[in-house]
Amino acid sequence: MTGPGEGKIKIGKADVYIHLKGKSNARVTHVDIELDELNKIIKPGEASYVQGKEGRVFIGLKREMISRAEKLVKKEKEIVQNKNIY
């Protein structure tokens, strides 16, 4: 894992589960990453690309998702700046 670094914005702590086929309506065994902030970037029903990396996974984003992610970061930076003003 590479941890924090320049250009990396932490968006929260996710709950991660192995969801077994046949349990809780799972049709296939898969990994669930549960984090509300992800739905601000990847909308329900949208598909993306995932690649395993050493100690982590990489989620590739499509153009629309990249735009939403960048807007989310910009909005969060504005909120932090406004808090520092007062």
N, C-alpha and C. Protein backbone atom coordinates (compact mmCIF):
# COMPACT_ATOMS: atom_id res chain seq x y z
N MET A 1 0.84 -1.18 0.00
CA MET A 1 0.00 0.00 0.00
C MET A 1 0.88 1.24 0.00
N THR A 2 0.42 2.27 -0.66
CA THR A 2 1.23 3.49 -0.75
C THR A 2 0.81 4.54 0.28
N GLY A 3 -0.40 4.49 0.80
CA GLY A 3 -0.83 5.44 1.83
C GLY A 3 -1.03 6.84 1.29
N PRO A 4 -1.07 7.82 2.20
CA PRO A 4 -1.31 9.21 1.80
C PRO A 4 -0.19 9.71 0.88
N GLY A 5 -0.53 10.68 0.05
CA GLY A 5 0.46 11.26 -0.83
C GLY A 5 -0.11 12.45 -1.57
N GLU A 6 0.76 13.17 -2.23
CA GLU A 6 0.35 14.34 -3.00
C GLU A 6 -0.69 13.93 -4.04
N GLY A 7 -1.77 14.69 -4.11
CA GLY A 7 -2.82 14.41 -5.07
C GLY A 7 -3.79 13.34 -4.65
N LYS A 8 -3.66 12.81 -3.42
CA LYS A 8 -4.57 11.79 -2.91
C LYS A 8 -5.47 12.44 -1.85
N ILE A 9 -6.77 12.38 -2.05
CA ILE A 9 -7.74 12.97 -1.15
C ILE A 9 -8.53 11.84 -0.50
N LYS A 10 -8.47 11.74 0.81
CA LYS A 10 -9.20 10.69 1.52
C LYS A 10 -10.68 11.05 1.55
N ILE A 11 -11.54 10.10 1.17
CA ILE A 11 -12.98 10.38 1.15
C ILE A 11 -13.75 9.63 2.22
N GLY A 12 -13.10 8.83 3.02
CA GLY A 12 -13.80 8.14 4.10
C GLY A 12 -13.23 6.77 4.36
N LYS A 13 -13.83 6.10 5.34
CA LYS A 13 -13.44 4.72 5.67
C LYS A 13 -14.56 3.81 5.19
N ALA A 14 -14.22 2.88 4.35
CA ALA A 14 -15.22 1.99 3.76
C ALA A 14 -15.37 0.72 4.57
N ASP A 15 -16.57 0.17 4.54
CA ASP A 15 -16.81 -1.19 5.01
C ASP A 15 -16.67 -2.10 3.80
N VAL A 16 -15.83 -3.12 3.91
CA VAL A 16 -15.55 -4.01 2.79
C VAL A 16 -15.91 -5.43 3.20
N TYR A 17 -16.70 -6.11 2.36
CA TYR A 17 -17.19 -7.44 2.67
C TYR A 17 -17.00 -8.38 1.48
N ILE A 18 -16.77 -9.67 1.77
CA ILE A 18 -16.94 -10.71 0.75
C ILE A 18 -18.39 -11.14 0.87
N HIS A 19 -19.14 -10.95 -0.20
CA HIS A 19 -20.57 -11.25 -0.22
C HIS A 19 -20.75 -12.59 -0.95
N LEU A 20 -21.16 -13.60 -0.22
CA LEU A 20 -21.26 -14.96 -0.75
C LEU A 20 -22.50 -15.19 -1.60
N LYS A 21 -22.32 -15.90 -2.69
CA LYS A 21 -23.41 -16.27 -3.58
C LYS A 21 -24.51 -16.96 -2.78
N GLY A 22 -25.74 -16.57 -3.04
CA GLY A 22 -26.89 -17.20 -2.39
C GLY A 22 -27.26 -16.60 -1.05
N LYS A 23 -26.45 -15.69 -0.54
CA LYS A 23 -26.74 -15.04 0.74
C LYS A 23 -27.09 -13.58 0.49
N SER A 24 -28.12 -13.10 1.17
CA SER A 24 -28.55 -11.69 1.04
C SER A 24 -28.72 -11.29 -0.43
N ASN A 25 -29.34 -12.17 -1.21
CA ASN A 25 -29.69 -11.93 -2.62
C ASN A 25 -28.50 -11.84 -3.58
N ALA A 26 -27.32 -12.30 -3.20
CA ALA A 26 -26.16 -12.27 -4.10
C ALA A 26 -26.30 -13.38 -5.14
N ARG A 27 -26.17 -13.02 -6.41
CA ARG A 27 -26.23 -14.01 -7.50
C ARG A 27 -24.88 -14.65 -7.74
N VAL A 28 -23.82 -13.92 -7.45
CA VAL A 28 -22.45 -14.42 -7.54
C VAL A 28 -21.67 -13.92 -6.32
N THR A 29 -20.63 -14.62 -5.94
CA THR A 29 -19.77 -14.14 -4.86
C THR A 29 -18.98 -12.94 -5.38
N HIS A 30 -18.92 -11.90 -4.58
CA HIS A 30 -18.25 -10.67 -5.00
C HIS A 30 -17.78 -9.89 -3.77
N VAL A 31 -17.05 -8.81 -4.00
CA VAL A 31 -16.60 -7.92 -2.93
C VAL A 31 -17.49 -6.69 -2.93
N ASP A 32 -18.05 -6.36 -1.77
CA ASP A 32 -18.83 -5.14 -1.59
C ASP A 32 -17.95 -4.10 -0.90
N ILE A 33 -17.88 -2.92 -1.47
CA ILE A 33 -17.24 -1.77 -0.83
C ILE A 33 -18.36 -0.79 -0.53
N GLU A 34 -18.65 -0.61 0.74
CA GLU A 34 -19.77 0.23 1.14
C GLU A 34 -19.25 1.55 1.70
N LEU A 35 -19.52 2.62 0.97
CA LEU A 35 -19.10 3.97 1.34
C LEU A 35 -19.99 4.95 0.59
N ASP A 36 -20.81 5.70 1.32
CA ASP A 36 -21.75 6.63 0.69
C ASP A 36 -21.07 7.59 -0.27
N GLU A 37 -19.87 8.04 0.06
CA GLU A 37 -19.17 9.00 -0.78
C GLU A 37 -18.88 8.44 -2.18
N LEU A 38 -18.74 7.12 -2.30
CA LEU A 38 -18.49 6.53 -3.62
C LEU A 38 -19.67 6.76 -4.57
N ASN A 39 -20.89 6.80 -4.04
CA ASN A 39 -22.06 7.03 -4.90
C ASN A 39 -22.14 8.46 -5.42
N LYS A 40 -21.33 9.36 -4.88
CA LYS A 40 -21.24 10.71 -5.43
C LYS A 40 -20.35 10.70 -6.67
N ILE A 41 -19.56 9.66 -6.82
CA ILE A 41 -18.63 9.52 -7.96
C ILE A 41 -19.13 8.47 -8.94
N ILE A 42 -19.44 7.29 -8.44
CA ILE A 42 -19.94 6.19 -9.27
C ILE A 42 -21.41 5.99 -8.89
N LYS A 43 -22.29 6.35 -9.80
CA LYS A 43 -23.73 6.27 -9.54
C LYS A 43 -24.21 4.81 -9.58
N PRO A 44 -25.27 4.49 -8.81
CA PRO A 44 -25.80 3.12 -8.85
C PRO A 44 -26.11 2.68 -10.28
N GLY A 45 -25.66 1.49 -10.63
CA GLY A 45 -25.88 0.94 -11.97
C GLY A 45 -24.75 1.20 -12.95
N GLU A 46 -23.85 2.16 -12.65
CA GLU A 46 -22.73 2.43 -13.54
C GLU A 46 -21.65 1.36 -13.35
N ALA A 47 -20.97 1.04 -14.41
CA ALA A 47 -19.89 0.06 -14.35
C ALA A 47 -18.55 0.77 -14.48
N SER A 48 -17.54 0.18 -13.87
CA SER A 48 -16.20 0.74 -13.92
C SER A 48 -15.21 -0.41 -14.07
N TYR A 49 -13.94 -0.08 -14.02
CA TYR A 49 -12.86 -1.06 -14.16
C TYR A 49 -12.12 -1.18 -12.84
N VAL A 50 -11.85 -2.39 -12.41
CA VAL A 50 -11.10 -2.62 -11.17
C VAL A 50 -9.89 -3.49 -11.47
N GLN A 51 -8.76 -3.11 -10.90
CA GLN A 51 -7.53 -3.89 -11.06
C GLN A 51 -6.91 -4.10 -9.69
N GLY A 52 -6.50 -5.32 -9.43
CA GLY A 52 -5.80 -5.60 -8.18
C GLY A 52 -4.39 -5.05 -8.22
N LYS A 53 -3.97 -4.46 -7.11
CA LYS A 53 -2.60 -3.96 -6.95
C LYS A 53 -2.09 -4.49 -5.63
N GLU A 54 -0.83 -4.36 -5.37
CA GLU A 54 -0.22 -4.86 -4.14
C GLU A 54 -0.87 -4.18 -2.93
N GLY A 55 -1.65 -4.94 -2.15
CA GLY A 55 -2.26 -4.43 -0.94
C GLY A 55 -3.44 -3.51 -1.13
N ARG A 56 -3.97 -3.40 -2.34
CA ARG A 56 -5.08 -2.47 -2.61
C ARG A 56 -5.73 -2.81 -3.94
N VAL A 57 -6.73 -2.05 -4.29
CA VAL A 57 -7.33 -2.16 -5.63
C VAL A 57 -7.39 -0.78 -6.25
N PHE A 58 -7.35 -0.75 -7.56
CA PHE A 58 -7.44 0.47 -8.36
C PHE A 58 -8.80 0.45 -9.04
N ILE A 59 -9.59 1.51 -8.89
CA ILE A 59 -10.88 1.63 -9.58
C ILE A 59 -10.72 2.70 -10.65
N GLY A 60 -10.73 2.28 -11.91
CA GLY A 60 -10.64 3.22 -13.02
C GLY A 60 -11.98 3.91 -13.21
N LEU A 61 -11.94 5.21 -13.52
CA LEU A 61 -13.17 5.99 -13.67
C LEU A 61 -13.37 6.42 -15.12
N LYS A 62 -14.63 6.42 -15.54
CA LYS A 62 -14.99 6.94 -16.86
C LYS A 62 -15.07 8.46 -16.78
N ARG A 63 -15.15 9.12 -17.94
CA ARG A 63 -15.11 10.58 -17.99
C ARG A 63 -16.11 11.25 -17.05
N GLU A 64 -17.35 10.76 -17.05
CA GLU A 64 -18.38 11.37 -16.21
C GLU A 64 -18.02 11.21 -14.73
N MET A 65 -17.47 10.07 -14.39
CA MET A 65 -17.09 9.78 -13.01
C MET A 65 -15.91 10.67 -12.59
N ILE A 66 -14.96 10.86 -13.50
CA ILE A 66 -13.81 11.74 -13.22
C ILE A 66 -14.30 13.15 -12.96
N SER A 67 -15.23 13.61 -13.77
CA SER A 67 -15.79 14.95 -13.58
C SER A 67 -16.45 15.09 -12.21
N ARG A 68 -17.24 14.09 -11.82
CA ARG A 68 -17.89 14.13 -10.51
C ARG A 68 -16.87 14.10 -9.38
N ALA A 69 -15.82 13.29 -9.52
CA ALA A 69 -14.78 13.19 -8.50
C ALA A 69 -14.06 14.53 -8.35
N GLU A 70 -13.72 15.16 -9.46
CA GLU A 70 -13.02 16.44 -9.41
C GLU A 70 -13.90 17.53 -8.82
N LYS A 71 -15.21 17.52 -9.14
CA LYS A 71 -16.14 18.49 -8.56
C LYS A 71 -16.28 18.27 -7.06
N LEU A 72 -16.30 17.02 -6.62
CA LEU A 72 -16.39 16.69 -5.20
C LEU A 72 -15.18 17.23 -4.45
N VAL A 73 -13.99 17.04 -5.00
CA VAL A 73 -12.76 17.52 -4.37
C VAL A 73 -12.78 19.05 -4.31
N LYS A 74 -13.17 19.69 -5.39
CA LYS A 74 -13.23 21.15 -5.43
C LYS A 74 -14.20 21.68 -4.37
N LYS A 75 -15.36 21.04 -4.26
CA LYS A 75 -16.36 21.45 -3.28
C LYS A 75 -15.83 21.28 -1.86
N GLU A 76 -15.16 20.15 -1.58
CA GLU A 76 -14.60 19.90 -0.25
C GLU A 76 -13.52 20.93 0.08
N LYS A 77 -12.68 21.30 -0.90
CA LYS A 77 -11.64 22.30 -0.67
C LYS A 77 -12.27 23.64 -0.32
N GLU A 78 -13.36 24.01 -1.01
CA GLU A 78 -14.05 25.28 -0.75
C GLU A 78 -14.63 25.29 0.67
N ILE A 79 -15.17 24.18 1.10
CA ILE A 79 -15.74 24.09 2.45
C ILE A 79 -14.64 24.29 3.50
N VAL A 80 -13.49 23.65 3.29
CA VAL A 80 -12.37 23.77 4.22
C VAL A 80 -11.86 25.22 4.24
N GLN A 81 -11.74 25.83 3.06
CA GLN A 81 -11.27 27.22 2.99
C GLN A 81 -12.22 28.16 3.71
N ASN A 82 -13.54 27.96 3.54
CA ASN A 82 -14.53 28.81 4.19
C ASN A 82 -14.47 28.66 5.71
N LYS A 83 -14.20 27.46 6.19
CA LYS A 83 -14.08 27.24 7.63
C LYS A 83 -12.87 27.96 8.19
N ASN A 84 -11.80 28.04 7.39
CA ASN A 84 -10.58 28.70 7.85
C ASN A 84 -10.73 30.22 7.88
N ILE A 85 -11.69 30.75 7.13
CA ILE A 85 -11.93 32.20 7.10
C ILE A 85 -12.57 32.67 8.40
N TYR A 86 -13.45 31.87 8.95
CA TYR A 86 -14.22 32.29 10.12
C TYR A 86 -13.58 31.92 11.42
